[in-house]
């Protein structure tokens, strides 16, 4: 998985700085409108395009699962991921379970192990 290359590209974006602030201020997460949410998602998918393509070739992941994987890799908590996805932490836990079933154990370890 080409995650390190995507991390370098992502680190140079304003979205990265915004996400870092969210990770640090988890208890007081800022309100995110749908345009900002979509911008975050689009930036993640663009910066990590190669890794996403590799994952999609070998699995049937959907876009929200890819975004969850990328957020996991970037060290986001379930709370931050759920805030970005406008859902609950319980939904994110369930999504992570589905992801584990859809990708190989080795792929999952690469994603989760590099946190």
Protein backbone atom coordinates (compact mmCIF):
# COMPACT_ATOMS: atom_id res chain seq x y z
CA UNK A 1 0.00 0.00 0.00
CA UNK A 2 1.40 3.36 -1.02
CA UNK A 3 0.44 5.19 2.15
CA UNK A 4 3.72 6.96 2.91
CA UNK A 5 3.69 8.78 -0.43
CA UNK A 6 0.12 9.93 0.25
CA UNK A 7 1.09 11.07 3.75
CA UNK A 8 3.72 13.37 2.33
CA UNK A 9 1.28 14.92 -0.14
CA UNK A 10 -1.45 15.19 2.49
CA UNK A 11 0.88 16.84 5.01
CA UNK A 12 1.21 19.81 2.66
CA UNK A 13 -2.53 20.55 2.54
CA UNK A 14 -4.65 22.87 4.66
CA UNK A 15 -6.98 19.93 5.27
CA UNK A 16 -4.14 18.20 7.11
CA UNK A 17 -3.77 21.16 9.43
CA UNK A 18 -7.54 21.24 10.04
CA UNK A 19 -7.59 17.52 10.76
CA UNK A 20 -4.67 17.91 13.17
CA UNK A 21 -6.60 20.57 15.07
CA UNK A 22 -9.61 18.26 15.22
CA UNK A 23 -7.50 15.41 16.56
CA UNK A 24 -6.11 17.63 19.31
CA UNK A 25 -9.43 19.21 20.30
CA UNK A 26 -11.55 16.08 20.20
CA UNK A 27 -13.87 17.24 22.98
CA UNK A 28 -14.73 20.49 21.21
CA UNK A 29 -14.93 19.49 17.58
CA UNK A 30 -15.80 22.33 15.23
CA UNK A 31 -19.01 22.25 13.25
CA UNK A 32 -18.38 20.95 9.76
CA UNK A 33 -20.72 21.83 6.93
CA UNK A 34 -21.25 19.48 4.00
CA UNK A 35 -18.95 21.49 1.71
CA UNK A 36 -16.06 21.31 4.19
CA UNK A 37 -16.70 17.61 4.80
CA UNK A 38 -16.65 16.91 1.05
CA UNK A 39 -13.43 18.94 0.68
CA UNK A 40 -11.77 16.85 3.40
CA UNK A 41 -12.92 13.62 1.77
CA UNK A 42 -11.84 14.75 -1.71
CA UNK A 43 -8.41 15.81 -0.45
CA UNK A 44 -7.89 12.50 1.35
CA UNK A 45 -8.87 10.50 -1.73
CA UNK A 46 -6.67 12.62 -4.03
CA UNK A 47 -3.58 12.53 -1.82
CA UNK A 48 -3.88 8.80 -1.23
CA UNK A 49 -5.11 7.91 -4.74
CA UNK A 50 -2.47 5.24 -5.35
CA UNK A 51 -3.17 3.49 -2.04
CA UNK A 52 -6.92 3.69 -2.65
CA UNK A 53 -6.54 2.19 -6.12
CA UNK A 54 -4.46 -0.66 -4.69
CA UNK A 55 -7.12 -1.36 -2.07
CA UNK A 56 -9.96 -1.16 -4.58
CA UNK A 57 -8.25 -3.62 -6.95
CA UNK A 58 -8.30 -6.32 -4.28
CA UNK A 59 -11.52 -5.63 -2.39
CA UNK A 60 -15.03 -4.26 -2.65
CA UNK A 61 -14.55 -1.27 -0.35
CA UNK A 62 -16.79 1.75 -0.79
CA UNK A 63 -15.74 5.41 -0.58
CA UNK A 64 -16.73 5.84 3.07
CA UNK A 65 -14.71 2.76 4.02
CA UNK A 66 -11.70 4.14 2.15
CA UNK A 67 -12.02 7.44 4.01
CA UNK A 68 -12.27 5.55 7.29
CA UNK A 69 -9.10 3.60 6.43
CA UNK A 70 -7.23 6.79 5.58
CA UNK A 71 -8.36 8.47 8.80
CA UNK A 72 -7.30 5.39 10.77
CA UNK A 73 -3.90 5.54 9.13
CA UNK A 74 -3.60 9.21 10.03
CA UNK A 75 -4.31 8.41 13.67
CA UNK A 76 -7.85 9.77 13.94
CA UNK A 77 -10.00 8.43 16.75
CA UNK A 78 -13.46 6.97 16.17
CA UNK A 79 -14.86 10.25 17.51
CA UNK A 80 -13.06 12.34 14.90
CA UNK A 81 -13.87 9.89 12.09
CA UNK A 82 -17.54 9.87 13.07
CA UNK A 83 -17.57 13.66 13.19
CA UNK A 84 -16.11 13.83 9.69
CA UNK A 85 -18.63 11.28 8.44
CA UNK A 86 -21.56 12.86 10.27
CA UNK A 87 -22.31 9.57 12.01
CA UNK A 88 -21.75 7.91 15.39
CA UNK A 89 -18.71 6.22 16.92
CA UNK A 90 -20.68 2.97 17.02
CA UNK A 91 -21.16 3.18 13.26
CA UNK A 92 -17.42 3.68 12.82
CA UNK A 93 -16.66 0.64 14.98
CA UNK A 94 -19.03 -1.42 12.82
CA UNK A 95 -17.46 0.01 9.65
CA UNK A 96 -14.02 -1.05 10.90
CA UNK A 97 -15.34 -4.58 11.46
CA UNK A 98 -16.65 -4.69 7.88
CA UNK A 99 -13.33 -3.37 6.58
CA UNK A 100 -11.45 -6.16 8.40
CA UNK A 101 -13.62 -8.68 6.58
CA UNK A 102 -13.16 -7.05 3.18
CA UNK A 103 -9.35 -6.73 3.10
CA UNK A 104 -6.59 -9.14 3.95
CA UNK A 105 -5.21 -9.32 7.46
CA UNK A 106 -1.83 -8.15 6.13
CA UNK A 107 -3.39 -5.06 4.55
CA UNK A 108 -5.28 -4.26 7.72
CA UNK A 109 -2.11 -4.61 9.81
CA UNK A 110 -0.28 -2.22 7.49
CA UNK A 111 -3.05 0.35 7.92
CA UNK A 112 -3.57 -0.10 11.64
CA UNK A 113 0.05 -0.92 12.45
CA UNK A 114 1.43 2.33 11.08
CA UNK A 115 -0.70 4.50 13.35
